[in-house]
């Protein structure tokens, strides 16, 4: 059934990870769909791409990028877009997504999802670039809210308002990463419930769930463990408000067996099915959350 932007609700999906290739091809697990990291396959014409073709024949696939750099002041990378479009022509993804961020400048890729100042100038810039990408790809782009560790003093718009105007101006869809909302709200001192309530729910095509690492006075979006209880509560609220969105679990570090990975995804059913009660008063930071202090991480300032 077509829903948001004419795109279907795919159900419950998992991020496709190479550790699970063999299991998926041999067992055909009961997963509704898979999300692939576009860059892992765009320039590969060997075994990974061959396996992706096989999986795309059996399951719906979505392409999720990390290098579009929609917020950069560099010109859009046409070679990147060409490779992205070619991969899409081969595997026929249901949609293509990337992040509201920039990843580099002067053609140098930082391999990180860097935050934008959220104001009228950056909004106009991002909207123009989204329109260019959509025209080139000949399909709507689905844009994800990033996890952030700093906020700019010259930001004048809350992120949820920025996203609302962005979707209105471009017709793009939203990928709501619930864990990113929680991480960013902790690091930048805003109310995650207000964020969830403030975004345009009818534009949410997909949701992400993932684990994070709490380091005491900041949180890192690590995707290396189970989903935190407070993120589940935010997801419950988000799904109540946008219940036709497809749901996907990401796990990128300390990747467990496929069965454990899948079982974590299936926990979402109870939050999708249970009656929503009082989440506004229940989301609390660091509730039963393990706090750790990893090496090689510096103290992060809240504002720059």
Protein backbone atom coordinates (compact mmCIF):
# COMPACT_ATOMS: atom_id res chain seq x y z
CA UNK A 1 0.00 0.00 0.00
CA UNK A 2 1.50 3.33 -1.05
CA UNK A 3 1.76 5.88 1.74
CA UNK A 4 4.25 8.70 2.18
CA UNK A 5 5.32 10.35 -1.10
CA UNK A 6 3.79 7.36 -2.88
CA UNK A 7 6.30 5.08 -1.16
CA UNK A 8 5.22 1.88 0.62
CA UNK A 9 5.45 0.89 4.27
CA UNK A 10 8.05 -1.87 4.02
CA UNK A 11 7.58 -3.10 7.60
CA UNK A 12 10.56 -4.06 9.79
CA UNK A 13 14.03 -4.10 8.25
CA UNK A 14 17.71 -4.52 9.08
CA UNK A 15 20.87 -2.86 7.90
CA UNK A 16 22.67 -5.28 5.58
CA UNK A 17 26.10 -6.18 7.02
CA UNK A 18 28.75 -8.36 5.36
CA UNK A 19 28.99 -10.61 8.45
CA UNK A 20 25.47 -11.81 7.67
CA UNK A 21 25.72 -12.35 3.90
CA UNK A 22 26.05 -16.12 4.13
CA UNK A 23 23.26 -16.48 6.69
CA UNK A 24 20.83 -14.46 4.57
CA UNK A 25 21.58 -16.29 1.35
CA UNK A 26 21.33 -19.75 2.97
CA UNK A 27 18.48 -19.20 5.45
CA UNK A 28 16.25 -16.62 3.73
CA UNK A 29 15.31 -15.14 7.13
CA UNK A 30 11.89 -13.60 7.69
CA UNK A 31 13.00 -9.99 7.44
CA UNK A 32 10.76 -7.59 5.56
CA UNK A 33 13.55 -5.57 3.89
CA UNK A 34 17.20 -4.54 4.02
CA UNK A 35 18.98 -1.19 3.96
CA UNK A 36 22.43 -1.03 2.34
CA UNK A 37 25.13 1.60 2.79
CA UNK A 38 25.38 2.94 -0.76
CA UNK A 39 29.12 3.64 -0.63
CA UNK A 40 29.88 0.00 0.28
CA UNK A 41 28.64 -1.11 -3.14
CA UNK A 42 28.87 1.84 -5.52
CA UNK A 43 32.48 1.26 -6.58
CA UNK A 44 32.57 -2.49 -6.06
CA UNK A 45 31.98 -4.81 -8.98
CA UNK A 46 33.11 -7.96 -7.17
CA UNK A 47 31.58 -10.26 -4.59
CA UNK A 48 29.75 -7.62 -2.47
CA UNK A 49 27.87 -6.26 -5.49
CA UNK A 50 27.12 -9.79 -6.71
CA UNK A 51 25.66 -10.66 -3.30
CA UNK A 52 23.65 -7.44 -3.22
CA UNK A 53 22.07 -8.37 -6.54
CA UNK A 54 21.06 -11.74 -5.11
CA UNK A 55 19.57 -10.18 -1.98
CA UNK A 56 17.75 -7.53 -4.03
CA UNK A 57 16.09 -10.33 -5.99
CA UNK A 58 14.64 -11.74 -2.74
CA UNK A 59 13.93 -8.68 -0.58
CA UNK A 60 13.03 -5.01 -1.00
CA UNK A 61 16.19 -2.92 -0.67
CA UNK A 62 16.76 0.72 0.29
CA UNK A 63 20.01 2.59 -0.40
CA UNK A 64 21.34 4.75 2.46
CA UNK A 65 24.26 7.09 1.82
CA UNK A 66 26.83 8.78 4.04
CA UNK A 67 28.78 10.91 1.53
CA UNK A 68 26.29 13.02 -0.41
CA UNK A 69 27.32 16.03 1.72
CA UNK A 70 24.12 17.92 1.04
CA UNK A 71 25.16 20.77 3.35
CA UNK A 72 28.65 21.36 1.94
CA UNK A 73 29.60 24.53 0.10
CA UNK A 74 31.56 22.43 -2.42
CA UNK A 75 29.73 21.77 -5.70
CA UNK A 76 27.79 18.52 -5.72
CA UNK A 77 30.03 15.61 -6.70
CA UNK A 78 28.67 14.56 -10.09
CA UNK A 79 30.88 11.45 -10.22
CA UNK A 80 29.40 10.35 -6.91
CA UNK A 81 25.85 11.01 -8.14
CA UNK A 82 26.54 9.12 -11.36
CA UNK A 83 27.75 6.05 -9.43
CA UNK A 84 24.80 6.31 -7.06
CA UNK A 85 22.31 6.46 -9.91
CA UNK A 86 23.98 3.54 -11.69
CA UNK A 87 23.76 1.35 -8.57
CA UNK A 88 20.11 2.33 -8.16
CA UNK A 89 19.42 1.32 -11.77
CA UNK A 90 20.86 -2.12 -11.03
CA UNK A 91 19.27 -2.96 -7.67
CA UNK A 92 16.06 -0.87 -7.96
CA UNK A 93 15.91 0.43 -4.38
CA UNK A 94 12.54 1.47 -3.05
CA UNK A 95 14.14 4.82 -2.11
CA UNK A 96 17.51 6.52 -1.61
CA UNK A 97 18.42 8.38 1.57
CA UNK A 98 21.26 10.42 3.05
CA UNK A 99 21.86 12.83 5.95
CA UNK A 100 21.29 16.50 6.72
CA UNK A 101 24.98 17.27 7.14
CA UNK A 102 28.20 18.02 5.34
CA UNK A 103 31.10 15.59 5.14
CA UNK A 104 33.98 17.69 3.85
CA UNK A 105 35.24 20.78 2.10
CA UNK A 106 37.63 21.52 -0.78
CA UNK A 107 37.00 17.97 -2.08
CA UNK A 108 38.35 16.41 1.15
CA UNK A 109 36.02 13.87 2.76
CA UNK A 110 36.15 13.89 6.57
CA UNK A 111 34.21 10.59 6.72
CA UNK A 112 32.07 12.15 9.42
CA UNK A 113 28.55 13.59 9.42
CA UNK A 114 29.15 17.20 10.42
CA UNK A 115 26.44 19.56 11.72
CA UNK A 116 25.07 22.65 9.97
CA UNK A 117 24.14 26.02 11.37
CA UNK A 118 20.34 25.98 11.24
CA UNK A 119 19.23 29.33 9.85
CA UNK A 120 17.55 30.83 6.79
CA UNK A 121 20.76 30.97 4.78
CA UNK A 122 21.68 27.33 5.30
CA UNK A 123 18.05 26.28 4.75
CA UNK A 124 17.98 27.94 1.33
CA UNK A 125 21.33 26.34 0.46
CA UNK A 126 20.21 22.86 1.51
CA UNK A 127 16.89 23.13 -0.32
CA UNK A 128 18.63 24.16 -3.54
CA UNK A 129 20.97 21.19 -3.30
CA UNK A 130 18.21 18.72 -2.50
CA UNK A 131 16.32 19.91 -5.58
CA UNK A 132 19.43 19.40 -7.72
CA UNK A 133 19.93 15.87 -6.37
CA UNK A 134 16.28 14.95 -6.85
CA UNK A 135 16.32 16.25 -10.43
CA UNK A 136 19.44 14.21 -11.17
CA UNK A 137 18.24 11.00 -9.52
CA UNK A 138 14.69 11.47 -10.87
CA UNK A 139 13.21 10.49 -7.52
CA UNK A 140 12.59 12.09 -4.11
CA UNK A 141 15.51 12.09 -1.69
CA UNK A 142 14.84 10.89 1.87
CA UNK A 143 16.83 12.99 4.35
CA UNK A 144 17.90 11.82 7.83
CA UNK A 145 18.34 13.96 10.93
CA UNK A 146 21.96 13.52 12.11
CA UNK A 147 23.34 12.95 15.58
CA UNK A 148 25.17 16.10 16.67
CA UNK A 149 27.67 16.96 19.37
CA UNK A 150 27.70 20.74 19.06
CA UNK A 151 25.30 23.54 18.12
CA UNK A 152 26.11 26.81 16.36
CA UNK A 153 25.54 30.16 18.03
CA UNK A 154 24.18 31.54 14.75
CA UNK A 155 21.46 28.89 14.47
CA UNK A 156 18.03 30.54 14.53
CA UNK A 157 15.76 27.57 13.80
CA UNK A 158 15.18 24.44 15.89
CA UNK A 159 16.08 21.37 13.86
CA UNK A 160 12.50 20.11 13.70
CA UNK A 161 11.36 23.43 12.19
CA UNK A 162 14.26 23.35 9.72
CA UNK A 163 13.16 19.87 8.62
CA UNK A 164 9.53 20.93 8.28
CA UNK A 165 10.33 23.85 5.98
CA UNK A 166 12.87 21.76 4.06
CA UNK A 167 10.28 19.11 3.20
CA UNK A 168 7.71 21.74 2.22
CA UNK A 169 10.15 23.54 -0.09
CA UNK A 170 11.61 20.45 -1.81
CA UNK A 171 9.07 17.64 -1.55
CA UNK A 172 11.72 15.38 -0.05
CA UNK A 173 10.89 12.82 2.61
CA UNK A 174 12.26 12.32 6.11
CA UNK A 175 14.18 9.49 7.69
CA UNK A 176 13.59 10.00 11.40
CA UNK A 177 16.45 8.50 13.38
CA UNK A 178 14.98 8.26 16.87
CA UNK A 179 18.32 7.45 18.49
CA UNK A 180 19.85 10.53 16.82
CA UNK A 181 17.12 12.70 18.32
CA UNK A 182 17.93 11.36 21.78
CA UNK A 183 21.70 11.70 21.34
CA UNK A 184 21.46 15.24 19.95
CA UNK A 185 18.98 16.38 22.57
CA UNK A 186 21.30 15.22 25.36
CA UNK A 187 24.40 16.78 23.80
CA UNK A 188 22.70 20.04 22.84
CA UNK A 189 20.24 20.43 25.69
CA UNK A 190 16.81 20.38 24.01
CA UNK A 191 13.62 18.41 24.65
CA UNK A 192 13.47 15.23 22.52
CA UNK A 193 9.70 14.95 22.97
CA UNK A 194 9.22 18.48 21.59
CA UNK A 195 11.38 17.47 18.62
CA UNK A 196 9.33 14.33 17.92
CA UNK A 197 6.08 16.28 18.16
CA UNK A 198 7.38 19.16 16.04
CA UNK A 199 8.54 17.36 12.89
CA UNK A 200 6.13 16.86 9.95
CA UNK A 201 4.84 13.35 10.63
CA UNK A 202 3.25 12.93 7.21
CA UNK A 203 6.70 13.28 5.58
CA UNK A 204 8.36 10.50 7.64
CA UNK A 205 9.02 7.65 5.20
CA UNK A 206 11.37 5.66 7.45
CA UNK A 207 12.61 5.46 11.04
CA UNK A 208 15.98 4.30 12.37
CA UNK A 209 16.68 2.64 15.69
CA UNK A 210 20.19 2.03 17.08
CA UNK A 211 22.26 1.82 20.24
CA UNK A 212 24.54 4.52 21.63
CA UNK A 213 27.31 4.97 24.19
CA UNK A 214 26.74 7.27 27.17
CA UNK A 215 30.02 8.84 28.30
CA UNK A 216 28.57 10.75 31.24
CA UNK A 217 28.26 14.31 30.00
CA UNK A 218 27.91 13.49 26.31
CA UNK A 219 26.55 10.60 24.25
CA UNK A 220 28.12 9.06 21.12
CA UNK A 221 26.02 7.53 18.35
CA UNK A 222 27.96 4.26 18.13
CA UNK A 223 25.44 1.71 16.74
CA UNK A 224 27.26 -0.98 18.72
CA UNK A 225 24.71 -2.27 21.25
CA UNK A 226 21.04 -2.71 22.06
CA UNK A 227 18.58 0.17 21.82
CA UNK A 228 18.35 2.17 25.06
CA UNK A 229 15.07 2.09 27.01
CA UNK A 230 14.53 5.84 26.60
CA UNK A 231 15.01 5.60 22.83
CA UNK A 232 12.35 2.89 22.78
CA UNK A 233 9.98 5.28 24.58
CA UNK A 234 10.68 8.01 22.04
CA UNK A 235 10.10 5.50 19.26
CA UNK A 236 6.74 4.61 20.79
CA UNK A 237 5.71 8.25 20.61
CA UNK A 238 7.10 8.70 17.09
CA UNK A 239 5.34 5.62 15.78
CA UNK A 240 2.05 6.76 17.28
CA UNK A 241 2.40 9.95 15.26
CA UNK A 242 3.77 8.46 12.02
CA UNK A 243 2.62 4.86 12.02
CA UNK A 244 2.92 4.22 8.29
CA UNK A 245 6.70 4.67 8.34
CA UNK A 246 9.04 1.74 7.69
CA UNK A 247 11.25 0.82 10.66
CA UNK A 248 14.88 -0.27 10.53
CA UNK A 249 17.51 -1.28 13.10
CA UNK A 250 21.17 -0.32 12.57
CA UNK A 251 24.09 -2.18 14.20
CA UNK A 252 27.59 -1.30 12.98
CA UNK A 253 30.05 -2.15 15.78
CA UNK A 254 30.37 -5.29 17.90
CA UNK A 255 27.98 -6.83 15.39
CA UNK A 256 26.22 -9.86 16.89
CA UNK A 257 24.91 -12.98 15.20
CA UNK A 258 22.06 -12.48 12.80
CA UNK A 259 19.53 -14.02 15.18
CA UNK A 260 20.44 -11.61 18.01
CA UNK A 261 20.37 -8.69 15.57
CA UNK A 262 16.95 -9.74 14.31
CA UNK A 263 15.55 -10.28 17.81
CA UNK A 264 16.48 -6.70 18.76
CA UNK A 265 14.53 -5.45 15.75
CA UNK A 266 11.48 -7.51 16.73
CA UNK A 267 11.32 -5.73 20.10
CA UNK A 268 9.88 -2.80 18.17
CA UNK A 269 6.60 -4.67 17.77
CA UNK A 270 5.65 -4.25 21.42
CA UNK A 271 6.19 -0.48 21.20
CA UNK A 272 4.21 -0.33 17.96
CA UNK A 273 1.32 -2.34 19.39
CA UNK A 274 1.03 -1.22 23.01
CA UNK A 275 -1.25 1.62 24.05
CA UNK A 276 0.68 4.85 24.28
CA UNK A 277 0.66 6.15 27.87
CA UNK A 278 2.45 9.21 29.25
CA UNK A 279 5.69 9.19 27.30
CA UNK A 280 6.00 12.96 27.84
CA UNK A 281 6.72 12.34 31.51
CA UNK A 282 8.80 9.21 31.07
CA UNK A 283 11.71 10.15 28.82
CA UNK A 284 14.61 10.73 31.18
CA UNK A 285 18.31 10.86 30.35
CA UNK A 286 20.59 8.17 31.79
CA UNK A 287 17.75 5.98 33.08
CA UNK A 288 19.30 2.55 33.69
CA UNK A 289 21.88 3.45 31.06
CA UNK A 290 25.47 2.23 31.28
CA UNK A 291 27.91 5.13 31.40
CA UNK A 292 31.41 4.59 30.07
CA UNK A 293 34.45 6.69 29.27
CA UNK A 294 36.13 5.29 26.14
CA UNK A 295 39.74 5.98 25.27
CA UNK A 296 40.76 8.43 22.55
CA UNK A 297 37.71 10.63 23.03
CA UNK A 298 38.08 14.20 24.14
CA UNK A 299 35.76 16.35 26.21
CA UNK A 300 33.27 17.89 23.80
CA UNK A 301 31.98 21.43 24.22
CA UNK A 302 28.24 21.90 23.84
CA UNK A 303 28.43 25.04 21.73
CA UNK A 304 30.85 26.44 19.19
